[in-house]
């Protein structure tokens, strides 16, 4: 901490030297200039008349959305069931692929650090880099609209999430248990069965349930691009400006997400 002397000889403690103080102010000034430049760049095409009118438009839309059309509920149960199936089957398919990918990606379990591990890491990164909605959009154009496109889209997105967290859990296991099983003459499969899998099993269940919870939320909007589920009903209601139906669908989605969050929390609390 720098020290300076007053006119009467007293020592004055300072947090920063004069040069550091000027550098700090220069940094903040540069940050403000950069923020202003970014703001101008992002808002140069904004029509501010629409922005100022937004509160009135929101109020008008709210008046048209309430009360919800409860009679429409009977047409939502089957799409909701499709949504749950998309999330569940997509999660299971993603887990089925992610488990071997995670073992190939983990440095302490991969058969080949130079060849298989980079491939597994690339699969994980590629899966996590593309949103499930983009996957669904691509799959709908390839295999057509329907639940299958939604299931595969959820699975492709889940591979990266489950694979990354699982391979990190594998790399963090207690190696002394592995060495103990090897010391008894255990084979590679026995080491995997008795030393590695028991250690990562709680994390595996927690990761899987957590991903299923996330997939419930993501699968509700896949219908917007034709991948089935309750999103199709939402898109149809939006296209026809049936705002009371939109409100009911949004409430149903909210309730489904709340229930899935509760189930996910209970299961993770039980296994971890």
Protein backbone atom coordinates (compact mmCIF):
# COMPACT_ATOMS: atom_id res chain seq x y z
CA UNK A 1 0.00 0.00 0.00
CA UNK A 2 1.62 3.36 -1.05
CA UNK A 3 2.52 5.98 1.53
CA UNK A 4 2.85 9.74 0.99
CA UNK A 5 3.95 12.53 3.32
CA UNK A 6 1.86 15.58 4.22
CA UNK A 7 3.29 19.12 4.57
CA UNK A 8 3.62 18.69 8.32
CA UNK A 9 5.48 15.39 7.93
CA UNK A 10 2.57 13.07 8.72
CA UNK A 11 2.31 9.77 6.83
CA UNK A 12 -0.75 9.44 4.59
CA UNK A 13 -1.78 5.92 3.60
CA UNK A 14 -3.30 5.57 0.15
CA UNK A 15 -5.01 2.63 -1.49
CA UNK A 16 -3.34 3.21 -4.85
CA UNK A 17 -0.49 5.25 -6.22
CA UNK A 18 -1.34 8.25 -8.37
CA UNK A 19 -0.41 6.34 -11.51
CA UNK A 20 -2.67 3.40 -10.59
CA UNK A 21 -5.51 5.79 -9.75
CA UNK A 22 -5.26 7.45 -13.16
CA UNK A 23 -5.07 4.02 -14.82
CA UNK A 24 -8.26 2.95 -12.99
CA UNK A 25 -10.13 6.06 -14.11
CA UNK A 26 -8.86 5.57 -17.67
CA UNK A 27 -10.12 2.00 -17.62
CA UNK A 28 -13.57 3.04 -16.44
CA UNK A 29 -13.68 5.81 -19.06
CA UNK A 30 -12.77 3.31 -21.80
CA UNK A 31 -15.48 0.94 -20.52
CA UNK A 32 -18.10 3.68 -20.67
CA UNK A 33 -17.07 4.63 -24.20
CA UNK A 34 -17.23 0.97 -25.27
CA UNK A 35 -20.68 0.56 -23.68
CA UNK A 36 -21.99 3.69 -25.44
CA UNK A 37 -20.60 2.48 -28.76
CA UNK A 38 -22.23 -0.95 -28.34
CA UNK A 39 -25.54 0.66 -27.36
CA UNK A 40 -25.52 2.87 -30.44
CA UNK A 41 -24.66 -0.11 -32.62
CA UNK A 42 -27.47 -2.26 -31.25
CA UNK A 43 -30.18 0.40 -31.25
CA UNK A 44 -29.47 2.27 -34.48
CA UNK A 45 -32.36 0.46 -36.24
CA UNK A 46 -34.74 0.62 -33.26
CA UNK A 47 -38.02 2.39 -33.88
CA UNK A 48 -38.45 4.19 -30.58
CA UNK A 49 -42.08 5.02 -31.25
CA UNK A 50 -42.85 1.30 -30.94
CA UNK A 51 -40.85 1.11 -27.72
CA UNK A 52 -42.75 4.01 -26.16
CA UNK A 53 -46.03 2.42 -27.23
CA UNK A 54 -45.07 -0.98 -25.76
CA UNK A 55 -46.82 -0.55 -22.35
CA UNK A 56 -50.14 0.20 -24.06
CA UNK A 57 -49.72 -2.77 -26.39
CA UNK A 58 -48.89 -5.07 -23.48
CA UNK A 59 -51.98 -3.93 -21.61
CA UNK A 60 -54.14 -4.49 -24.70
CA UNK A 61 -52.68 -7.97 -25.24
CA UNK A 62 -53.22 -8.82 -21.59
CA UNK A 63 -56.88 -7.85 -21.85
CA UNK A 64 -57.30 -10.18 -24.83
CA UNK A 65 -55.48 -13.09 -23.13
CA UNK A 66 -57.68 -13.22 -20.03
CA UNK A 67 -59.63 -15.11 -18.96
CA UNK A 68 -58.14 -18.37 -20.31
CA UNK A 69 -60.39 -20.56 -22.44
CA UNK A 70 -60.74 -23.52 -20.06
CA UNK A 71 -62.97 -25.41 -22.49
CA UNK A 72 -59.93 -25.82 -24.75
CA UNK A 73 -58.25 -28.00 -22.12
CA UNK A 74 -59.70 -31.25 -23.46
CA UNK A 75 -57.73 -30.76 -26.67
CA UNK A 76 -54.40 -30.31 -24.85
CA UNK A 77 -54.08 -33.57 -22.90
CA UNK A 78 -52.87 -35.63 -25.84
CA UNK A 79 -50.33 -33.02 -27.07
CA UNK A 80 -49.09 -32.74 -23.47
CA UNK A 81 -48.64 -36.53 -23.38
CA UNK A 82 -46.70 -36.30 -26.65
CA UNK A 83 -44.49 -33.63 -25.11
CA UNK A 84 -43.72 -35.83 -22.10
CA UNK A 85 -42.92 -38.73 -24.43
CA UNK A 86 -40.59 -36.56 -26.49
CA UNK A 87 -38.71 -35.49 -23.38
CA UNK A 88 -38.55 -38.95 -21.82
CA UNK A 89 -37.67 -40.99 -24.91
CA UNK A 90 -35.24 -38.33 -26.11
CA UNK A 91 -33.52 -38.32 -22.73
CA UNK A 92 -33.23 -42.12 -22.67
CA UNK A 93 -31.82 -42.20 -26.20
CA UNK A 94 -29.35 -39.44 -25.38
CA UNK A 95 -28.21 -41.23 -22.22
CA UNK A 96 -27.77 -44.49 -24.14
CA UNK A 97 -25.34 -42.76 -26.50
CA UNK A 98 -23.76 -40.44 -23.92
CA UNK A 99 -22.58 -43.15 -21.51
CA UNK A 100 -20.01 -44.80 -23.82
CA UNK A 101 -19.02 -41.37 -25.14
CA UNK A 102 -18.33 -40.24 -21.55
CA UNK A 103 -16.14 -43.28 -20.82
CA UNK A 104 -14.23 -42.68 -24.05
CA UNK A 105 -13.80 -38.99 -23.14
CA UNK A 106 -12.60 -39.58 -19.57
CA UNK A 107 -8.81 -39.67 -19.45
CA UNK A 108 -8.70 -42.49 -16.90
CA UNK A 109 -11.07 -44.84 -18.78
CA UNK A 110 -10.55 -44.13 -22.47
CA UNK A 111 -8.89 -46.93 -24.48
CA UNK A 112 -7.05 -44.34 -26.60
CA UNK A 113 -6.04 -40.88 -25.39
CA UNK A 114 -4.71 -39.87 -28.81
CA UNK A 115 -7.58 -41.12 -30.97
CA UNK A 116 -10.86 -42.03 -29.21
CA UNK A 117 -10.76 -39.29 -26.56
CA UNK A 118 -10.58 -36.38 -29.08
CA UNK A 119 -13.45 -37.92 -31.05
CA UNK A 120 -15.57 -38.29 -27.91
CA UNK A 121 -14.81 -34.72 -26.83
CA UNK A 122 -15.72 -33.48 -30.30
CA UNK A 123 -19.09 -35.27 -30.10
CA UNK A 124 -19.77 -33.68 -26.72
CA UNK A 125 -18.83 -30.20 -27.90
CA UNK A 126 -20.80 -30.54 -31.15
CA UNK A 127 -23.91 -31.66 -29.27
CA UNK A 128 -23.70 -28.82 -26.74
CA UNK A 129 -23.03 -26.20 -29.41
CA UNK A 130 -26.39 -26.56 -31.17
CA UNK A 131 -29.67 -25.84 -29.40
CA UNK A 132 -32.38 -28.49 -29.46
CA UNK A 133 -34.64 -26.12 -31.41
CA UNK A 134 -32.03 -25.92 -34.17
CA UNK A 135 -31.64 -29.70 -34.12
CA UNK A 136 -35.43 -30.01 -34.47
CA UNK A 137 -35.50 -27.54 -37.34
CA UNK A 138 -32.84 -29.52 -39.20
CA UNK A 139 -34.48 -32.87 -38.49
CA UNK A 140 -37.93 -31.71 -39.56
CA UNK A 141 -36.46 -30.72 -42.92
CA UNK A 142 -34.73 -34.12 -43.20
CA UNK A 143 -37.21 -36.70 -41.86
CA UNK A 144 -40.36 -34.60 -41.85
CA UNK A 145 -42.51 -33.19 -39.05
CA UNK A 146 -43.63 -35.31 -36.15
CA UNK A 147 -42.61 -36.76 -32.81
CA UNK A 148 -39.61 -38.65 -34.17
CA UNK A 149 -37.87 -35.41 -35.12
CA UNK A 150 -38.50 -34.04 -31.63
CA UNK A 151 -37.22 -37.19 -29.90
CA UNK A 152 -34.01 -37.26 -31.92
CA UNK A 153 -33.50 -33.51 -31.43
CA UNK A 154 -33.77 -33.89 -27.66
CA UNK A 155 -31.43 -36.88 -27.75
CA UNK A 156 -28.78 -35.08 -29.80
CA UNK A 157 -28.84 -32.15 -27.38
CA UNK A 158 -28.72 -34.44 -24.33
CA UNK A 159 -25.60 -36.30 -25.47
CA UNK A 160 -23.33 -33.34 -24.86
CA UNK A 161 -24.87 -32.39 -21.51
CA UNK A 162 -24.86 -35.88 -20.02
CA UNK A 163 -21.55 -36.83 -21.61
CA UNK A 164 -19.69 -33.79 -20.30
CA UNK A 165 -20.90 -34.01 -16.71
CA UNK A 166 -20.50 -37.78 -16.62
CA UNK A 167 -16.95 -37.86 -17.96
CA UNK A 168 -15.97 -35.17 -15.45
CA UNK A 169 -17.45 -37.34 -12.69
CA UNK A 170 -15.49 -40.34 -13.97
CA UNK A 171 -12.24 -38.40 -13.92
CA UNK A 172 -12.87 -37.35 -10.32
CA UNK A 173 -13.29 -40.87 -8.88
CA UNK A 174 -11.11 -42.20 -6.06
CA UNK A 175 -8.29 -44.02 -7.85
CA UNK A 176 -7.39 -45.97 -4.71
CA UNK A 177 -10.48 -48.13 -5.20
CA UNK A 178 -9.42 -48.83 -8.78
CA UNK A 179 -5.94 -49.80 -7.64
CA UNK A 180 -7.39 -52.06 -4.94
CA UNK A 181 -9.46 -54.04 -7.44
CA UNK A 182 -6.50 -54.28 -9.82
CA UNK A 183 -4.29 -55.49 -6.98
CA UNK A 184 -6.60 -58.46 -6.47
CA UNK A 185 -6.07 -59.44 -10.11
CA UNK A 186 -9.33 -57.99 -11.42
CA UNK A 187 -9.79 -57.64 -15.15
CA UNK A 188 -10.63 -54.40 -16.90
CA UNK A 189 -14.37 -55.15 -16.82
CA UNK A 190 -14.18 -56.06 -13.14
CA UNK A 191 -12.42 -52.78 -12.39
CA UNK A 192 -15.16 -50.99 -14.27
CA UNK A 193 -17.91 -52.95 -12.55
CA UNK A 194 -16.63 -52.87 -8.96
CA UNK A 195 -14.50 -49.71 -8.72
CA UNK A 196 -15.69 -47.13 -11.26
CA UNK A 197 -19.40 -47.62 -11.83
CA UNK A 198 -20.38 -47.63 -8.11
CA UNK A 199 -18.61 -44.31 -7.64
CA UNK A 200 -20.25 -42.54 -10.59
CA UNK A 201 -23.70 -44.14 -10.29
CA UNK A 202 -25.18 -41.46 -7.96
CA UNK A 203 -23.87 -38.70 -10.22
CA UNK A 204 -25.22 -40.54 -13.25
CA UNK A 205 -28.74 -40.72 -11.84
CA UNK A 206 -28.63 -37.09 -10.76
CA UNK A 207 -27.39 -35.91 -14.16
CA UNK A 208 -29.99 -38.01 -16.01
CA UNK A 209 -32.93 -36.74 -13.98
CA UNK A 210 -31.68 -33.17 -14.22
CA UNK A 211 -31.42 -33.48 -18.00
CA UNK A 212 -34.91 -34.96 -18.18
CA UNK A 213 -36.20 -31.94 -16.28
CA UNK A 214 -34.49 -29.61 -18.76
CA UNK A 215 -35.84 -31.61 -21.71
CA UNK A 216 -39.40 -31.23 -20.42
CA UNK A 217 -39.00 -27.48 -20.83
CA UNK A 218 -37.28 -27.67 -24.20
CA UNK A 219 -39.74 -30.16 -25.68
CA UNK A 220 -42.65 -27.78 -25.07
CA UNK A 221 -41.43 -25.44 -27.81
CA UNK A 222 -40.23 -27.95 -30.39
CA UNK A 223 -43.70 -27.96 -31.91
CA UNK A 224 -43.09 -24.40 -33.08
CA UNK A 225 -40.89 -25.87 -35.83
CA UNK A 226 -43.09 -28.92 -36.45
CA UNK A 227 -41.49 -31.44 -34.10
CA UNK A 228 -44.72 -32.40 -32.33
CA UNK A 229 -46.03 -31.91 -28.83
CA UNK A 230 -47.94 -29.08 -27.23
CA UNK A 231 -45.88 -26.58 -29.16
CA UNK A 232 -48.00 -27.37 -32.22
CA UNK A 233 -51.12 -26.25 -30.38
CA UNK A 234 -49.31 -23.14 -29.21
CA UNK A 235 -48.24 -22.32 -32.75
CA UNK A 236 -51.75 -22.88 -34.10
CA UNK A 237 -53.26 -20.63 -31.42
CA UNK A 238 -50.71 -17.91 -32.10
CA UNK A 239 -51.37 -18.07 -35.84
CA UNK A 240 -55.11 -17.64 -35.32
CA UNK A 241 -54.66 -14.94 -32.63
CA UNK A 242 -56.60 -17.11 -30.16
CA UNK A 243 -55.07 -15.41 -27.13
CA UNK A 244 -57.25 -17.07 -24.45
CA UNK A 245 -56.04 -20.43 -25.78
CA UNK A 246 -52.44 -19.20 -25.70
CA UNK A 247 -52.89 -18.26 -22.04
CA UNK A 248 -54.23 -21.71 -21.20
CA UNK A 249 -51.35 -23.41 -23.00
CA UNK A 250 -48.77 -21.25 -21.24
CA UNK A 251 -50.36 -22.03 -17.87
CA UNK A 252 -50.31 -25.74 -18.69
CA UNK A 253 -46.66 -25.56 -19.69
CA UNK A 254 -45.85 -23.69 -16.48
CA UNK A 255 -47.64 -26.31 -14.39
CA UNK A 256 -45.85 -29.14 -16.19
CA UNK A 257 -42.45 -27.53 -15.65
CA UNK A 258 -43.19 -26.97 -11.95
CA UNK A 259 -44.18 -30.62 -11.49
CA UNK A 260 -41.12 -31.87 -13.39
CA UNK A 261 -38.89 -29.63 -11.29
CA UNK A 262 -40.41 -31.07 -8.12
CA UNK A 263 -39.98 -34.66 -9.34
CA UNK A 264 -36.40 -33.94 -10.41
CA UNK A 265 -35.52 -32.43 -7.04
CA UNK A 266 -37.02 -35.36 -5.13
CA UNK A 267 -35.23 -37.97 -7.23
CA UNK A 268 -31.88 -36.18 -7.07
CA UNK A 269 -32.26 -35.80 -3.30
CA UNK A 270 -32.94 -39.53 -3.03
CA UNK A 271 -29.98 -40.75 -5.09
CA UNK A 272 -27.27 -38.21 -4.29
